Amino acid sequence: MWKLIFLGLIIWLAVYILKRAIKPGDLTNRNQPNRDQSDEGRVENMVQCTTCHVHLPRSDAFLVDGNFYCSKAHIENK
């Protein structure tokens, strides 16, 4: 019985040491981009289609007579 408890204690200690060796920041930042590659430079204004009221990025919208449209079909249906 004591051998089993001692073996469990050794395994727990090994796992504890391994967890301490791998820093918490290392695990959380592996799949995240660097701060230099953040979305800050790619943030874009959203606009709303006058016809269907769908929100879309400004670069994807069509601007006709001061109104934004999401497709050419909606421009024709105005």
PDB file of N, CA and C in Angstrom:
ATOM      1  N   MET A   1       0.824  -1.192   0.000  1.00  0.00           N
ATOM      2  CA  MET A   1       0.000   0.000   0.000  1.00  0.00           C
ATOM      3  C   MET A   1       0.870   1.259   0.000  1.00  0.00           C
ATOM      4  N   TRP A   2       1.903   1.281   0.822  1.00  0.00           N
ATOM      5  CA  TRP A   2       2.774   2.445   0.903  1.00  0.00           C
ATOM      6  C   TRP A   2       3.537   2.657  -0.401  1.00  0.00           C
ATOM      7  N   LYS A   3       3.845   1.557  -1.071  1.00  0.00           N
ATOM      8  CA  LYS A   3       4.533   1.680  -2.356  1.00  0.00           C
ATOM      9  C   LYS A   3       3.641   2.383  -3.375  1.00  0.00           C
ATOM     10  N   LEU A   4       2.346   2.101  -3.331  1.00  0.00           N
ATOM     11  CA  LEU A   4       1.396   2.729  -4.258  1.00  0.00           C
ATOM     12  C   LEU A   4       1.262   4.223  -3.975  1.00  0.00           C
ATOM     13  N   ILE A   5       1.178   4.571  -2.700  1.00  0.00           N
ATOM     14  CA  ILE A   5       1.102   5.986  -2.324  1.00  0.00           C
ATOM     15  C   ILE A   5       2.381   6.712  -2.727  1.00  0.00           C
ATOM     16  N   PHE A   6       3.516   6.091  -2.491  1.00  0.00           N
ATOM     17  CA  PHE A   6       4.799   6.690  -2.855  1.00  0.00           C
ATOM     18  C   PHE A   6       4.900   6.872  -4.375  1.00  0.00           C
ATOM     19  N   LEU A   7       4.450   5.878  -5.143  1.00  0.00           N
ATOM     20  CA  LEU A   7       4.469   5.973  -6.600  1.00  0.00           C
ATOM     21  C   LEU A   7       3.549   7.103  -7.088  1.00  0.00           C
ATOM     22  N   GLY A   8       2.389   7.220  -6.480  1.00  0.00           N
ATOM     23  CA  GLY A   8       1.463   8.308  -6.828  1.00  0.00           C
ATOM     24  C   GLY A   8       2.069   9.662  -6.525  1.00  0.00           C
ATOM     25  N   LEU A   9       2.738   9.777  -5.414  1.00  0.00           N
ATOM     26  CA  LEU A   9       3.393  11.031  -5.035  1.00  0.00           C
ATOM     27  C   LEU A   9       4.507  11.381  -6.023  1.00  0.00           C
ATOM     28  N   ILE A  10       5.276  10.413  -6.454  1.00  0.00           N
ATOM     29  CA  ILE A  10       6.352  10.649  -7.424  1.00  0.00           C
ATOM     30  C   ILE A  10       5.759  11.106  -8.765  1.00  0.00           C
ATOM     31  N   ILE A  11       4.684  10.461  -9.201  1.00  0.00           N
ATOM     32  CA  ILE A  11       4.037  10.847 -10.473  1.00  0.00           C
ATOM     33  C   ILE A  11       3.480  12.257 -10.365  1.00  0.00           C
ATOM     34  N   TRP A  12       2.815  12.563  -9.236  1.00  0.00           N
ATOM     35  CA  TRP A  12       2.268  13.912  -9.058  1.00  0.00           C
ATOM     36  C   TRP A  12       3.381  14.962  -9.068  1.00  0.00           C
ATOM     37  N   LEU A  13       4.487  14.673  -8.418  1.00  0.00           N
ATOM     38  CA  LEU A  13       5.610  15.597  -8.363  1.00  0.00           C
ATOM     39  C   LEU A  13       6.207  15.819  -9.758  1.00  0.00           C
ATOM     40  N   ALA A  14       6.315  14.755 -10.545  1.00  0.00           N
ATOM     41  CA  ALA A  14       6.844  14.884 -11.907  1.00  0.00           C
ATOM     42  C   ALA A  14       5.927  15.754 -12.768  1.00  0.00           C
ATOM     43  N   VAL A  15       4.621  15.548 -12.659  1.00  0.00           N
ATOM     44  CA  VAL A  15       3.661  16.359 -13.424  1.00  0.00           C
ATOM     45  C   VAL A  15       3.724  17.814 -12.968  1.00  0.00           C
ATOM     46  N   TYR A  16       3.828  18.039 -11.688  1.00  0.00           N
ATOM     47  CA  TYR A  16       3.920  19.398 -11.145  1.00  0.00           C
ATOM     48  C   TYR A  16       5.161  20.112 -11.666  1.00  0.00           C
ATOM     49  N   ILE A  17       6.283  19.429 -11.671  1.00  0.00           N
ATOM     50  CA  ILE A  17       7.530  20.034 -12.160  1.00  0.00           C
ATOM     51  C   ILE A  17       7.435  20.329 -13.654  1.00  0.00           C
ATOM     52  N   LEU A  18       6.838  19.428 -14.418  1.00  0.00           N
ATOM     53  CA  LEU A  18       6.683  19.672 -15.857  1.00  0.00           C
ATOM     54  C   LEU A  18       5.772  20.868 -16.127  1.00  0.00           C
ATOM     55  N   LYS A  19       4.702  20.986 -15.374  1.00  0.00           N
ATOM     56  CA  LYS A  19       3.801  22.130 -15.551  1.00  0.00           C
ATOM     57  C   LYS A  19       4.505  23.439 -15.211  1.00  0.00           C
ATOM     58  N   ARG A  20       5.348  23.410 -14.197  1.00  0.00           N
ATOM     59  CA  ARG A  20       6.084  24.618 -13.818  1.00  0.00           C
ATOM     60  C   ARG A  20       7.149  24.963 -14.853  1.00  0.00           C
ATOM     61  N   ALA A  21       7.704  23.948 -15.491  1.00  0.00           N
ATOM     62  CA  ALA A  21       8.742  24.171 -16.496  1.00  0.00           C
ATOM     63  C   ALA A  21       8.161  24.825 -17.744  1.00  0.00           C
ATOM     64  N   ILE A  22       6.941  24.431 -18.095  1.00  0.00           N
ATOM     65  CA  ILE A  22       6.257  25.047 -19.241  1.00  0.00           C
ATOM     66  C   ILE A  22       5.496  26.235 -18.690  1.00  0.00           C
ATOM     67  N   LYS A  23       5.917  27.417 -19.060  1.00  0.00           N
ATOM     68  CA  LYS A  23       5.312  28.629 -18.529  1.00  0.00           C
ATOM     69  C   LYS A  23       3.885  28.773 -19.041  1.00  0.00           C
ATOM     70  N   PRO A  24       2.977  29.325 -18.235  1.00  0.00           N
ATOM     71  CA  PRO A  24       1.586  29.494 -18.673  1.00  0.00           C
ATOM     72  C   PRO A  24       1.468  30.360 -19.925  1.00  0.00           C
ATOM     73  N   GLY A  25       2.303  31.359 -20.085  1.00  0.00           N
ATOM     74  CA  GLY A  25       2.260  32.214 -21.260  1.00  0.00           C
ATOM     75  C   GLY A  25       2.617  31.479 -22.540  1.00  0.00           C
ATOM     76  N   ASP A  26       3.441  30.437 -22.432  1.00  0.00           N
ATOM     77  CA  ASP A  26       3.837  29.674 -23.604  1.00  0.00           C
ATOM     78  C   ASP A  26       2.658  28.937 -24.214  1.00  0.00           C
ATOM     79  N   LEU A  27       1.775  28.414 -23.383  1.00  0.00           N
ATOM     80  CA  LEU A  27       0.638  27.650 -23.889  1.00  0.00           C
ATOM     81  C   LEU A  27      -0.428  28.543 -24.496  1.00  0.00           C
ATOM     82  N   THR A  28      -0.655  29.724 -23.938  1.00  0.00           N
ATOM     83  CA  THR A  28      -1.735  30.580 -24.429  1.00  0.00           C
ATOM     84  C   THR A  28      -1.353  31.340 -25.687  1.00  0.00           C
ATOM     85  N   ASN A  29      -0.071  31.591 -25.912  1.00  0.00           N
ATOM     86  CA  ASN A  29       0.349  32.411 -27.047  1.00  0.00           C
ATOM     87  C   ASN A  29       0.764  31.611 -28.271  1.00  0.00           C
ATOM     88  N   ARG A  30       0.680  30.309 -28.228  1.00  0.00           N
ATOM     89  CA  ARG A  30       1.136  29.500 -29.361  1.00  0.00           C
ATOM     90  C   ARG A  30       0.325  29.735 -30.619  1.00  0.00           C
ATOM     91  N   ASN A  31      -0.988  29.783 -30.493  1.00  0.00           N
ATOM     92  CA  ASN A  31      -1.850  29.898 -31.665  1.00  0.00           C
ATOM     93  C   ASN A  31      -2.294  31.324 -31.951  1.00  0.00           C
ATOM     94  N   GLN A  32      -1.819  32.275 -31.196  1.00  0.00           N
ATOM     95  CA  GLN A  32      -2.193  33.660 -31.397  1.00  0.00           C
ATOM     96  C   GLN A  32      -1.109  34.376 -32.194  1.00  0.00           C
ATOM     97  N   PRO A  33      -1.511  35.283 -33.095  1.00  0.00           N
ATOM     98  CA  PRO A  33      -0.503  36.025 -33.845  1.00  0.00           C
ATOM     99  C   PRO A  33       0.255  36.987 -32.947  1.00  0.00           C
ATOM    100  N   ASN A  34       1.416  37.406 -33.407  1.00  0.00           N
ATOM    101  CA  ASN A  34       2.206  38.384 -32.660  1.00  0.00           C
ATOM    102  C   ASN A  34       1.473  39.710 -32.616  1.00  0.00           C
ATOM    103  N   ARG A  35       1.851  40.548 -31.686  1.00  0.00           N
ATOM    104  CA  ARG A  35       1.227  41.862 -31.561  1.00  0.00           C
ATOM    105  C   ARG A  35       1.447  42.691 -32.827  1.00  0.00           C
ATOM    106  N   ASP A  36       2.563  42.447 -33.527  1.00  0.00           N
ATOM    107  CA  ASP A  36       2.842  43.199 -34.750  1.00  0.00           C
ATOM    108  C   ASP A  36       1.861  42.848 -35.854  1.00  0.00           C
ATOM    109  N   GLN A  37       1.279  41.663 -35.802  1.00  0.00           N
ATOM    110  CA  GLN A  37       0.350  41.208 -36.831  1.00  0.00           C
ATOM    111  C   GLN A  37      -1.096  41.315 -36.364  1.00  0.00           C
ATOM    112  N   SER A  38      -1.385  42.200 -35.438  1.00  0.00           N
ATOM    113  CA  SER A  38      -2.733  42.305 -34.893  1.00  0.00           C
ATOM    114  C   SER A  38      -3.698  42.868 -35.925  1.00  0.00           C
ATOM    115  N   ASP A  39      -4.975  42.817 -35.584  1.00  0.00           N
ATOM    116  CA  ASP A  39      -6.020  43.284 -36.488  1.00  0.00           C
ATOM    117  C   ASP A  39      -6.118  44.804 -36.533  1.00  0.00           C
ATOM    118  N   GLU A  40      -5.297  45.494 -35.771  1.00  0.00           N
ATOM    119  CA  GLU A  40      -5.381  46.943 -35.680  1.00  0.00           C
ATOM    120  C   GLU A  40      -5.235  47.612 -37.039  1.00  0.00           C
ATOM    121  N   GLY A  41      -4.359  47.120 -37.863  1.00  0.00           N
ATOM    122  CA  GLY A  41      -4.144  47.716 -39.174  1.00  0.00           C
ATOM    123  C   GLY A  41      -5.209  47.334 -40.180  1.00  0.00           C
ATOM    124  N   ARG A  42      -6.025  46.317 -39.867  1.00  0.00           N
ATOM    125  CA  ARG A  42      -7.023  45.843 -40.803  1.00  0.00           C
ATOM    126  C   ARG A  42      -8.443  46.208 -40.399  1.00  0.00           C
ATOM    127  N   VAL A  43      -8.629  47.046 -39.418  1.00  0.00           N
ATOM    128  CA  VAL A  43      -9.958  47.435 -38.978  1.00  0.00           C
ATOM    129  C   VAL A  43     -10.586  48.316 -40.044  1.00  0.00           C
ATOM    130  N   GLU A  44     -11.845  48.037 -40.344  1.00  0.00           N
ATOM    131  CA  GLU A  44     -12.510  48.751 -41.414  1.00  0.00           C
ATOM    132  C   GLU A  44     -13.914  49.156 -40.968  1.00  0.00           C
ATOM    133  N   ASN A  45     -14.382  50.286 -41.451  1.00  0.00           N
ATOM    134  CA  ASN A  45     -15.718  50.751 -41.115  1.00  0.00           C
ATOM    135  C   ASN A  45     -16.769  49.875 -41.777  1.00  0.00           C
ATOM    136  N   MET A  46     -17.887  49.705 -41.079  1.00  0.00           N
ATOM    137  CA  MET A  46     -19.006  48.939 -41.609  1.00  0.00           C
ATOM    138  C   MET A  46     -20.077  49.912 -42.084  1.00  0.00           C
ATOM    139  N   VAL A  47     -20.753  49.553 -43.166  1.00  0.00           N
ATOM    140  CA  VAL A  47     -21.847  50.359 -43.694  1.00  0.00           C
ATOM    141  C   VAL A  47     -23.064  49.460 -43.850  1.00  0.00           C
ATOM    142  N   GLN A  48     -24.219  50.082 -44.052  1.00  0.00           N
ATOM    143  CA  GLN A  48     -25.468  49.329 -44.158  1.00  0.00           C
ATOM    144  C   GLN A  48     -26.066  49.518 -45.542  1.00  0.00           C
ATOM    145  N   CYS A  49     -26.491  48.413 -46.141  1.00  0.00           N
ATOM    146  CA  CYS A  49     -27.130  48.466 -47.443  1.00  0.00           C
ATOM    147  C   CYS A  49     -28.460  49.197 -47.312  1.00  0.00           C
ATOM    148  N   THR A  50     -28.719  50.126 -48.221  1.00  0.00           N
ATOM    149  CA  THR A  50     -29.952  50.910 -48.190  1.00  0.00           C
ATOM    150  C   THR A  50     -31.168  50.041 -48.471  1.00  0.00           C
ATOM    151  N   THR A  51     -31.021  49.009 -49.275  1.00  0.00           N
ATOM    152  CA  THR A  51     -32.154  48.175 -49.668  1.00  0.00           C
ATOM    153  C   THR A  51     -32.480  47.101 -48.640  1.00  0.00           C
ATOM    154  N   CYS A  52     -31.503  46.267 -48.279  1.00  0.00           N
ATOM    155  CA  CYS A  52     -31.783  45.120 -47.402  1.00  0.00           C
ATOM    156  C   CYS A  52     -31.301  45.313 -45.971  1.00  0.00           C
ATOM    157  N   HIS A  53     -30.618  46.402 -45.677  1.00  0.00           N
ATOM    158  CA  HIS A  53     -30.144  46.760 -44.334  1.00  0.00           C
ATOM    159  C   HIS A  53     -29.100  45.799 -43.778  1.00  0.00           C
ATOM    160  N   VAL A  54     -28.396  45.085 -44.640  1.00  0.00           N
ATOM    161  CA  VAL A  54     -27.307  44.208 -44.228  1.00  0.00           C
ATOM    162  C   VAL A  54     -26.062  45.054 -44.012  1.00  0.00           C
ATOM    163  N   HIS A  55     -25.313  44.754 -42.954  1.00  0.00           N
ATOM    164  CA  HIS A  55     -24.060  45.457 -42.689  1.00  0.00           C
ATOM    165  C   HIS A  55     -22.921  44.738 -43.401  1.00  0.00           C
ATOM    166  N   LEU A  56     -22.040  45.511 -44.038  1.00  0.00           N
ATOM    167  CA  LEU A  56     -20.902  44.943 -44.740  1.00  0.00           C
ATOM    168  C   LEU A  56     -19.730  45.910 -44.679  1.00  0.00           C
ATOM    169  N   PRO A  57     -18.510  45.419 -44.898  1.00  0.00           N
ATOM    170  CA  PRO A  57     -17.343  46.304 -44.868  1.00  0.00           C
ATOM    171  C   PRO A  57     -17.431  47.374 -45.949  1.00  0.00           C
ATOM    172  N   ARG A  58     -16.910  48.528 -45.655  1.00  0.00           N
ATOM    173  CA  ARG A  58     -16.968  49.660 -46.574  1.00  0.00           C
ATOM    174  C   ARG A  58     -16.338  49.320 -47.926  1.00  0.00           C
ATOM    175  N   SER A  59     -15.276  48.524 -47.937  1.00  0.00           N
ATOM    176  CA  SER A  59     -14.588  48.208 -49.184  1.00  0.00           C
ATOM    177  C   SER A  59     -15.408  47.283 -50.083  1.00  0.00           C
ATOM    178  N   ASP A  60     -16.367  46.554 -49.528  1.00  0.00           N
ATOM    179  CA  ASP A  60     -17.208  45.650 -50.318  1.00  0.00           C
ATOM    180  C   ASP A  60     -18.490  46.316 -50.804  1.00  0.00           C
ATOM    181  N   ALA A  61     -18.786  47.489 -50.301  1.00  0.00           N
ATOM    182  CA  ALA A  61     -20.051  48.155 -50.629  1.00  0.00           C
ATOM    183  C   ALA A  61     -19.910  49.006 -51.891  1.00  0.00           C
ATOM    184  N   PHE A  62     -21.061  49.231 -52.533  1.00  0.00           N
ATOM    185  CA  PHE A  62     -21.152  50.125 -53.690  1.00  0.00           C
ATOM    186  C   PHE A  62     -21.761  51.432 -53.215  1.00  0.00           C
ATOM    187  N   LEU A  63     -21.131  52.559 -53.539  1.00  0.00           N
ATOM    188  CA  LEU A  63     -21.628  53.877 -53.150  1.00  0.00           C
ATOM    189  C   LEU A  63     -22.233  54.545 -54.375  1.00  0.00           C
ATOM    190  N   VAL A  64     -23.542  54.768 -54.327  1.00  0.00           N
ATOM    191  CA  VAL A  64     -24.253  55.391 -55.443  1.00  0.00           C
ATOM    192  C   VAL A  64     -25.129  56.501 -54.871  1.00  0.00           C
ATOM    193  N   ASP A  65     -24.913  57.723 -55.328  1.00  0.00           N
ATOM    194  CA  ASP A  65     -25.691  58.894 -54.897  1.00  0.00           C
ATOM    195  C   ASP A  65     -25.741  59.036 -53.379  1.00  0.00           C
ATOM    196  N   GLY A  66     -24.636  58.746 -52.709  1.00  0.00           N
ATOM    197  CA  GLY A  66     -24.560  58.904 -51.258  1.00  0.00           C
ATOM    198  C   GLY A  66     -25.147  57.742 -50.477  1.00  0.00           C
ATOM    199  N   ASN A  67     -25.638  56.697 -51.147  1.00  0.00           N
ATOM    200  CA  ASN A  67     -26.199  55.525 -50.476  1.00  0.00           C
ATOM    201  C   ASN A  67     -25.308  54.311 -50.726  1.00  0.00           C
ATOM    202  N   PHE A  68     -25.245  53.428 -49.733  1.00  0.00           N
ATOM    203  CA  PHE A  68     -24.448  52.215 -49.856  1.00  0.00           C
ATOM    204  C   PHE A  68     -25.349  51.043 -50.229  1.00  0.00           C
ATOM    205  N   TYR A  69     -24.821  50.181 -51.106  1.00  0.00           N
ATOM    206  CA  TYR A  69     -25.546  48.983 -51.528  1.00  0.00           C
ATOM    207  C   TYR A  69     -24.605  47.787 -51.445  1.00  0.00           C
ATOM    208  N   CYS A  70     -25.181  46.599 -51.175  1.00  0.00           N
ATOM    209  CA  CYS A  70     -24.351  45.410 -51.034  1.00  0.00           C
ATOM    210  C   CYS A  70     -24.164  44.681 -52.365  1.00  0.00           C
ATOM    211  N   SER A  71     -25.018  44.953 -53.349  1.00  0.00           N
ATOM    212  CA  SER A  71     -24.888  44.281 -54.644  1.00  0.00           C
ATOM    213  C   SER A  71     -25.413  45.186 -55.758  1.00  0.00           C
ATOM    214  N   LYS A  72     -25.049  44.840 -56.970  1.00  0.00           N
ATOM    215  CA  LYS A  72     -25.518  45.610 -58.129  1.00  0.00           C
ATOM    216  C   LYS A  72     -27.018  45.432 -58.331  1.00  0.00           C
ATOM    217  N   ALA A  73     -27.550  44.294 -57.945  1.00  0.00           N
ATOM    218  CA  ALA A  73     -28.993  44.054 -58.071  1.00  0.00           C
ATOM    219  C   ALA A  73     -29.773  45.031 -57.188  1.00  0.00           C
ATOM    220  N   HIS A  74     -29.250  45.346 -56.013  1.00  0.00           N
ATOM    221  CA  HIS A  74     -29.933  46.284 -55.127  1.00  0.00           C
ATOM    222  C   HIS A  74     -29.835  47.710 -55.656  1.00  0.00           C
ATOM    223  N   ILE A  75     -28.787  48.018 -56.394  1.00  0.00           N
ATOM    224  CA  ILE A  75     -28.672  49.343 -57.009  1.00  0.00           C
ATOM    225  C   ILE A  75     -29.769  49.499 -58.058  1.00  0.00           C
ATOM    226  N   GLU A  76     -30.025  48.455 -58.821  1.00  0.00           N
ATOM    227  CA  GLU A  76     -31.039  48.505 -59.866  1.00  0.00           C
ATOM    228  C   GLU A  76     -32.451  48.544 -59.297  1.00  0.00           C
ATOM    229  N   ASN A  77     -32.653  48.007 -58.083  1.00  0.00           N
ATOM    230  CA  ASN A  77     -33.998  47.952 -57.472  1.00  0.00           C
ATOM    231  C   ASN A  77     -34.326  49.183 -56.633  1.00  0.00           C
ATOM    232  N   LYS A  78     -33.481  50.172 -56.643  1.00  0.00           N
ATOM    233  CA  LYS A  78     -33.737  51.334 -55.770  1.00  0.00           C
ATOM    234  C   LYS A  78     -34.874  52.098 -56.313  1.00  0.00           C
TER     235      LYS A  78
END
